[in-house]
Amino acid sequence: MTSTVRLQNEADTARAGLSTALDDLRNSVTTTALTNGAMTFAKKGSSAVARAAIDRAMASPLAAMLIGAGLSC
């Protein structure tokens, strides 16, 4: 196998792994965010939910971008 073919195969494998990891992260964060958001809203009202969403997005900008990308699709 030539080095170009080997590198292409490695890139394809890495790309597939990254895609799976991002899907898992998106699903996990979405479920967690919805559950926590509903609990917070029930306890403290809408301003607390907004604050919690902002805090979560600031703590994990990559997750926030993934969720946003999922919502726009």
PDB file of N, CA and C in Angstrom:
ATOM      1  N   MET A   1       0.865  -1.180   0.000  1.00  0.00           N
ATOM      2  CA  MET A   1       0.000   0.000   0.000  1.00  0.00           C
ATOM      3  C   MET A   1       0.904   1.234   0.000  1.00  0.00           C
ATOM      4  N   THR A   2       0.614   2.157  -0.881  1.00  0.00           N
ATOM      5  CA  THR A   2       1.429   3.373  -0.953  1.00  0.00           C
ATOM      6  C   THR A   2       1.130   4.261   0.239  1.00  0.00           C
ATOM      7  N   SER A   3       2.034   5.160   0.512  1.00  0.00           N
ATOM      8  CA  SER A   3       1.836   6.041   1.658  1.00  0.00           C
ATOM      9  C   SER A   3       0.629   6.950   1.457  1.00  0.00           C
ATOM     10  N   THR A   4       0.343   7.334   0.228  1.00  0.00           N
ATOM     11  CA  THR A   4      -0.828   8.185  -0.043  1.00  0.00           C
ATOM     12  C   THR A   4      -2.122   7.443   0.266  1.00  0.00           C
ATOM     13  N   VAL A   5      -2.208   6.204  -0.163  1.00  0.00           N
ATOM     14  CA  VAL A   5      -3.398   5.391   0.101  1.00  0.00           C
ATOM     15  C   VAL A   5      -3.535   5.148   1.601  1.00  0.00           C
ATOM     16  N   ARG A   6      -2.430   4.841   2.266  1.00  0.00           N
ATOM     17  CA  ARG A   6      -2.451   4.607   3.719  1.00  0.00           C
ATOM     18  C   ARG A   6      -2.914   5.856   4.455  1.00  0.00           C
ATOM     19  N   LEU A   7      -2.392   7.019   4.068  1.00  0.00           N
ATOM     20  CA  LEU A   7      -2.795   8.269   4.703  1.00  0.00           C
ATOM     21  C   LEU A   7      -4.269   8.573   4.452  1.00  0.00           C
ATOM     22  N   GLN A   8      -4.742   8.278   3.253  1.00  0.00           N
ATOM     23  CA  GLN A   8      -6.167   8.488   2.945  1.00  0.00           C
ATOM     24  C   GLN A   8      -7.037   7.592   3.818  1.00  0.00           C
ATOM     25  N   ASN A   9      -6.620   6.335   3.971  1.00  0.00           N
ATOM     26  CA  ASN A   9      -7.371   5.404   4.822  1.00  0.00           C
ATOM     27  C   ASN A   9      -7.383   5.870   6.274  1.00  0.00           C
ATOM     28  N   GLU A  10      -6.245   6.333   6.760  1.00  0.00           N
ATOM     29  CA  GLU A  10      -6.175   6.846   8.126  1.00  0.00           C
ATOM     30  C   GLU A  10      -7.062   8.077   8.295  1.00  0.00           C
ATOM     31  N   ALA A  11      -7.061   8.955   7.304  1.00  0.00           N
ATOM     32  CA  ALA A  11      -7.903  10.158   7.361  1.00  0.00           C
ATOM     33  C   ALA A  11      -9.377   9.773   7.349  1.00  0.00           C
ATOM     34  N   ASP A  12      -9.754   8.797   6.515  1.00  0.00           N
ATOM     35  CA  ASP A  12     -11.150   8.338   6.477  1.00  0.00           C
ATOM     36  C   ASP A  12     -11.580   7.739   7.812  1.00  0.00           C
ATOM     37  N   THR A  13     -10.704   6.944   8.411  1.00  0.00           N
ATOM     38  CA  THR A  13     -11.001   6.335   9.706  1.00  0.00           C
ATOM     39  C   THR A  13     -11.145   7.404  10.782  1.00  0.00           C
ATOM     40  N   ALA A  14     -10.228   8.368  10.791  1.00  0.00           N
ATOM     41  CA  ALA A  14     -10.298   9.447  11.779  1.00  0.00           C
ATOM     42  C   ALA A  14     -11.556  10.281  11.589  1.00  0.00           C
ATOM     43  N   ARG A  15     -11.914  10.569  10.355  1.00  0.00           N
ATOM     44  CA  ARG A  15     -13.110  11.351  10.042  1.00  0.00           C
ATOM     45  C   ARG A  15     -14.371  10.630  10.521  1.00  0.00           C
ATOM     46  N   ALA A  16     -14.434   9.333  10.286  1.00  0.00           N
ATOM     47  CA  ALA A  16     -15.596   8.547  10.724  1.00  0.00           C
ATOM     48  C   ALA A  16     -15.686   8.526  12.244  1.00  0.00           C
ATOM     49  N   GLY A  17     -14.555   8.379  12.910  1.00  0.00           N
ATOM     50  CA  GLY A  17     -14.541   8.388  14.375  1.00  0.00           C
ATOM     51  C   GLY A  17     -14.964   9.735  14.932  1.00  0.00           C
ATOM     52  N   LEU A  18     -14.498  10.799  14.321  1.00  0.00           N
ATOM     53  CA  LEU A  18     -14.853  12.143  14.770  1.00  0.00           C
ATOM     54  C   LEU A  18     -16.342  12.404  14.564  1.00  0.00           C
ATOM     55  N   SER A  19     -16.861  11.964  13.435  1.00  0.00           N
ATOM     56  CA  SER A  19     -18.284  12.144  13.157  1.00  0.00           C
ATOM     57  C   SER A  19     -19.135  11.424  14.198  1.00  0.00           C
ATOM     58  N   THR A  20     -18.757  10.213  14.534  1.00  0.00           N
ATOM     59  CA  THR A  20     -19.484   9.448  15.551  1.00  0.00           C
ATOM     60  C   THR A  20     -19.390  10.130  16.906  1.00  0.00           C
ATOM     61  N   ALA A  21     -18.205  10.591  17.264  1.00  0.00           N
ATOM     62  CA  ALA A  21     -18.025  11.263  18.554  1.00  0.00           C
ATOM     63  C   ALA A  21     -18.858  12.539  18.631  1.00  0.00           C
ATOM     64  N   LEU A  22     -18.910  13.307  17.558  1.00  0.00           N
ATOM     65  CA  LEU A  22     -19.694  14.535  17.547  1.00  0.00           C
ATOM     66  C   LEU A  22     -21.192  14.241  17.642  1.00  0.00           C
ATOM     67  N   ASP A  23     -21.649  13.200  16.958  1.00  0.00           N
ATOM     68  CA  ASP A  23     -23.060  12.803  17.066  1.00  0.00           C
ATOM     69  C   ASP A  23     -23.398  12.391  18.493  1.00  0.00           C
ATOM     70  N   ASP A  24     -22.519  11.600  19.106  1.00  0.00           N
ATOM     71  CA  ASP A  24     -22.744  11.185  20.495  1.00  0.00           C
ATOM     72  C   ASP A  24     -22.780  12.387  21.427  1.00  0.00           C
ATOM     73  N   LEU A  25     -21.858  13.320  21.234  1.00  0.00           N
ATOM     74  CA  LEU A  25     -21.820  14.520  22.066  1.00  0.00           C
ATOM     75  C   LEU A  25     -23.079  15.352  21.887  1.00  0.00           C
ATOM     76  N   ARG A  26     -23.501  15.533  20.645  1.00  0.00           N
ATOM     77  CA  ARG A  26     -24.702  16.310  20.366  1.00  0.00           C
ATOM     78  C   ARG A  26     -25.929  15.679  21.037  1.00  0.00           C
ATOM     79  N   ASN A  27     -26.073  14.380  20.910  1.00  0.00           N
ATOM     80  CA  ASN A  27     -27.210  13.685  21.514  1.00  0.00           C
ATOM     81  C   ASN A  27     -27.169  13.769  23.034  1.00  0.00           C
ATOM     82  N   SER A  28     -26.003  13.593  23.598  1.00  0.00           N
ATOM     83  CA  SER A  28     -25.852  13.627  25.047  1.00  0.00           C
ATOM     84  C   SER A  28     -26.136  15.013  25.602  1.00  0.00           C
ATOM     85  N   VAL A  29     -25.547  16.018  24.997  1.00  0.00           N
ATOM     86  CA  VAL A  29     -25.723  17.384  25.481  1.00  0.00           C
ATOM     87  C   VAL A  29     -27.173  17.826  25.319  1.00  0.00           C
ATOM     88  N   THR A  30     -27.791  17.470  24.224  1.00  0.00           N
ATOM     89  CA  THR A  30     -29.169  17.870  23.987  1.00  0.00           C
ATOM     90  C   THR A  30     -30.094  17.275  25.039  1.00  0.00           C
ATOM     91  N   THR A  31     -29.953  15.988  25.308  1.00  0.00           N
ATOM     92  CA  THR A  31     -30.792  15.329  26.310  1.00  0.00           C
ATOM     93  C   THR A  31     -30.564  15.936  27.685  1.00  0.00           C
ATOM     94  N   THR A  32     -29.313  16.130  28.035  1.00  0.00           N
ATOM     95  CA  THR A  32     -28.979  16.698  29.340  1.00  0.00           C
ATOM     96  C   THR A  32     -29.484  18.126  29.464  1.00  0.00           C
ATOM     97  N   ALA A  33     -29.284  18.910  28.427  1.00  0.00           N
ATOM     98  CA  ALA A  33     -29.717  20.307  28.463  1.00  0.00           C
ATOM     99  C   ALA A  33     -31.233  20.399  28.600  1.00  0.00           C
ATOM    100  N   LEU A  34     -31.955  19.583  27.868  1.00  0.00           N
ATOM    101  CA  LEU A  34     -33.417  19.609  27.970  1.00  0.00           C
ATOM    102  C   LEU A  34     -33.890  19.203  29.362  1.00  0.00           C
ATOM    103  N   THR A  35     -33.316  18.158  29.895  1.00  0.00           N
ATOM    104  CA  THR A  35     -33.710  17.685  31.222  1.00  0.00           C
ATOM    105  C   THR A  35     -33.393  18.730  32.281  1.00  0.00           C
ATOM    106  N   ASN A  36     -32.167  19.226  32.278  1.00  0.00           N
ATOM    107  CA  ASN A  36     -31.772  20.229  33.268  1.00  0.00           C
ATOM    108  C   ASN A  36     -32.552  21.524  33.094  1.00  0.00           C
ATOM    109  N   GLY A  37     -32.794  21.913  31.856  1.00  0.00           N
ATOM    110  CA  GLY A  37     -33.553  23.130  31.596  1.00  0.00           C
ATOM    111  C   GLY A  37     -34.976  23.021  32.112  1.00  0.00           C
ATOM    112  N   ALA A  38     -35.600  21.889  31.892  1.00  0.00           N
ATOM    113  CA  ALA A  38     -36.964  21.696  32.379  1.00  0.00           C
ATOM    114  C   ALA A  38     -37.017  21.721  33.897  1.00  0.00           C
ATOM    115  N   MET A  39     -36.055  21.094  34.527  1.00  0.00           N
ATOM    116  CA  MET A  39     -36.013  21.082  36.000  1.00  0.00           C
ATOM    117  C   MET A  39     -35.784  22.490  36.547  1.00  0.00           C
ATOM    118  N   THR A  40     -34.869  23.212  35.937  1.00  0.00           N
ATOM    119  CA  THR A  40     -34.589  24.574  36.388  1.00  0.00           C
ATOM    120  C   THR A  40     -35.799  25.466  36.195  1.00  0.00           C
ATOM    121  N   PHE A  41     -36.445  25.352  35.048  1.00  0.00           N
ATOM    122  CA  PHE A  41     -37.628  26.155  34.772  1.00  0.00           C
ATOM    123  C   PHE A  41     -38.728  25.868  35.792  1.00  0.00           C
ATOM    124  N   ALA A  42     -38.921  24.615  36.088  1.00  0.00           N
ATOM    125  CA  ALA A  42     -39.959  24.232  37.057  1.00  0.00           C
ATOM    126  C   ALA A  42     -39.654  24.799  38.439  1.00  0.00           C
ATOM    127  N   LYS A  43     -38.390  24.900  38.769  1.00  0.00           N
ATOM    128  CA  LYS A  43     -38.013  25.366  40.109  1.00  0.00           C
ATOM    129  C   LYS A  43     -37.875  26.884  40.209  1.00  0.00           C
ATOM    130  N   LYS A  44     -37.308  27.520  39.184  1.00  0.00           N
ATOM    131  CA  LYS A  44     -36.904  28.916  39.338  1.00  0.00           C
ATOM    132  C   LYS A  44     -37.482  29.879  38.319  1.00  0.00           C
ATOM    133  N   GLY A  45     -38.099  29.400  37.281  1.00  0.00           N
ATOM    134  CA  GLY A  45     -38.672  30.307  36.297  1.00  0.00           C
ATOM    135  C   GLY A  45     -37.787  30.528  35.089  1.00  0.00           C
ATOM    136  N   SER A  46     -38.314  31.274  34.142  1.00  0.00           N
ATOM    137  CA  SER A  46     -37.647  31.424  32.844  1.00  0.00           C
ATOM    138  C   SER A  46     -36.330  32.190  32.904  1.00  0.00           C
ATOM    139  N   SER A  47     -36.190  33.151  33.795  1.00  0.00           N
ATOM    140  CA  SER A  47     -34.924  33.891  33.851  1.00  0.00           C
ATOM    141  C   SER A  47     -33.784  32.985  34.292  1.00  0.00           C
ATOM    142  N   ALA A  48     -34.069  32.039  35.161  1.00  0.00           N
ATOM    143  CA  ALA A  48     -33.040  31.097  35.592  1.00  0.00           C
ATOM    144  C   ALA A  48     -32.656  30.172  34.436  1.00  0.00           C
ATOM    145  N   VAL A  49     -33.612  29.778  33.629  1.00  0.00           N
ATOM    146  CA  VAL A  49     -33.325  28.922  32.478  1.00  0.00           C
ATOM    147  C   VAL A  49     -32.415  29.666  31.499  1.00  0.00           C
ATOM    148  N   ALA A  50     -32.735  30.917  31.230  1.00  0.00           N
ATOM    149  CA  ALA A  50     -31.911  31.707  30.320  1.00  0.00           C
ATOM    150  C   ALA A  50     -30.495  31.840  30.858  1.00  0.00           C
ATOM    151  N   ARG A  51     -30.364  32.118  32.145  1.00  0.00           N
ATOM    152  CA  ARG A  51     -29.039  32.253  32.759  1.00  0.00           C
ATOM    153  C   ARG A  51     -28.279  30.928  32.685  1.00  0.00           C
ATOM    154  N   ALA A  52     -28.975  29.824  32.960  1.00  0.00           N
ATOM    155  CA  ALA A  52     -28.339  28.507  32.908  1.00  0.00           C
ATOM    156  C   ALA A  52     -27.876  28.181  31.485  1.00  0.00           C
ATOM    157  N   ALA A  53     -28.673  28.534  30.487  1.00  0.00           N
ATOM    158  CA  ALA A  53     -28.297  28.290  29.094  1.00  0.00           C
ATOM    159  C   ALA A  53     -27.060  29.097  28.723  1.00  0.00           C
ATOM    160  N   ILE A  54     -27.007  30.332  29.150  1.00  0.00           N
ATOM    161  CA  ILE A  54     -25.840  31.179  28.880  1.00  0.00           C
ATOM    162  C   ILE A  54     -24.603  30.619  29.566  1.00  0.00           C
ATOM    163  N   ASP A  55     -24.752  30.237  30.827  1.00  0.00           N
ATOM    164  CA  ASP A  55     -23.621  29.674  31.575  1.00  0.00           C
ATOM    165  C   ASP A  55     -23.118  28.393  30.918  1.00  0.00           C
ATOM    166  N   ARG A  56     -24.050  27.535  30.491  1.00  0.00           N
ATOM    167  CA  ARG A  56     -23.665  26.272  29.853  1.00  0.00           C
ATOM    168  C   ARG A  56     -22.944  26.541  28.534  1.00  0.00           C
ATOM    169  N   ALA A  57     -23.450  27.472  27.753  1.00  0.00           N
ATOM    170  CA  ALA A  57     -22.820  27.793  26.473  1.00  0.00           C
ATOM    171  C   ALA A  57     -21.422  28.373  26.680  1.00  0.00           C
ATOM    172  N   MET A  58     -21.264  29.190  27.705  1.00  0.00           N
ATOM    173  CA  MET A  58     -19.948  29.774  27.981  1.00  0.00           C
ATOM    174  C   MET A  58     -18.974  28.705  28.478  1.00  0.00           C
ATOM    175  N   ALA A  59     -19.480  27.730  29.226  1.00  0.00           N
ATOM    176  CA  ALA A  59     -18.620  26.679  29.760  1.00  0.00           C
ATOM    177  C   ALA A  59     -18.215  25.677  28.682  1.00  0.00           C
ATOM    178  N   SER A  60     -19.044  25.513  27.666  1.00  0.00           N
ATOM    179  CA  SER A  60     -18.765  24.529  26.636  1.00  0.00           C
ATOM    180  C   SER A  60     -19.172  25.068  25.266  1.00  0.00           C
ATOM    181  N   PRO A  61     -18.389  25.986  24.695  1.00  0.00           N
ATOM    182  CA  PRO A  61     -18.757  26.602  23.420  1.00  0.00           C
ATOM    183  C   PRO A  61     -18.875  25.598  22.271  1.00  0.00           C
ATOM    184  N   LEU A  62     -18.057  24.542  22.275  1.00  0.00           N
ATOM    185  CA  LEU A  62     -18.147  23.559  21.198  1.00  0.00           C
ATOM    186  C   LEU A  62     -19.508  22.872  21.230  1.00  0.00           C
ATOM    187  N   ALA A  63     -19.950  22.480  22.411  1.00  0.00           N
ATOM    188  CA  ALA A  63     -21.259  21.831  22.531  1.00  0.00           C
ATOM    189  C   ALA A  63     -22.367  22.779  22.103  1.00  0.00           C
ATOM    190  N   ALA A  64     -22.260  24.033  22.467  1.00  0.00           N
ATOM    191  CA  ALA A  64     -23.277  25.013  22.083  1.00  0.00           C
ATOM    192  C   ALA A  64     -23.328  25.168  20.565  1.00  0.00           C
ATOM    193  N   MET A  65     -22.166  25.174  19.912  1.00  0.00           N
ATOM    194  CA  MET A  65     -22.138  25.273  18.457  1.00  0.00           C
ATOM    195  C   MET A  65     -22.754  24.036  17.811  1.00  0.00           C
ATOM    196  N   LEU A  66     -22.485  22.867  18.385  1.00  0.00           N
ATOM    197  CA  LEU A  66     -23.041  21.634  17.832  1.00  0.00           C
ATOM    198  C   LEU A  66     -24.554  21.611  17.947  1.00  0.00           C
ATOM    199  N   ILE A  67     -25.055  22.039  19.086  1.00  0.00           N
ATOM    200  CA  ILE A  67     -26.503  22.096  19.271  1.00  0.00           C
ATOM    201  C   ILE A  67     -27.105  23.093  18.303  1.00  0.00           C
ATOM    202  N   GLY A  68     -26.489  24.253  18.188  1.00  0.00           N
ATOM    203  CA  GLY A  68     -26.975  25.260  17.251  1.00  0.00           C
ATOM    204  C   GLY A  68     -26.957  24.758  15.817  1.00  0.00           C
ATOM    205  N   ALA A  69     -25.916  24.040  15.461  1.00  0.00           N
ATOM    206  CA  ALA A  69     -25.828  23.481  14.106  1.00  0.00           C
ATOM    207  C   ALA A  69     -26.920  22.438  13.902  1.00  0.00           C
ATOM    208  N   GLY A  70     -27.217  21.678  14.921  1.00  0.00           N
ATOM    209  CA  GLY A  70     -28.263  20.662  14.814  1.00  0.00           C
ATOM    210  C   GLY A  70     -29.636  21.284  14.670  1.00  0.00           C
ATOM    211  N   LEU A  71     -29.842  22.412  15.317  1.00  0.00           N
ATOM    212  CA  LEU A  71     -31.152  23.065  15.242  1.00  0.00           C
ATOM    213  C   LEU A  71     -31.379  23.749  13.903  1.00  0.00           C
ATOM    214  N   SER A  72     -30.295  24.144  13.240  1.00  0.00           N
ATOM    215  CA  SER A  72     -30.444  24.858  11.981  1.00  0.00           C
ATOM    216  C   SER A  72     -30.566  23.927  10.782  1.00  0.00           C
ATOM    217  N   CYS A  73     -30.326  22.640  10.999  1.00  0.00           N
ATOM    218  CA  CYS A  73     -30.388  21.669   9.880  1.00  0.00           C
ATOM    219  C   CYS A  73     -31.812  21.335   9.521  1.00  0.00           C
TER     220      CYS A  73
END
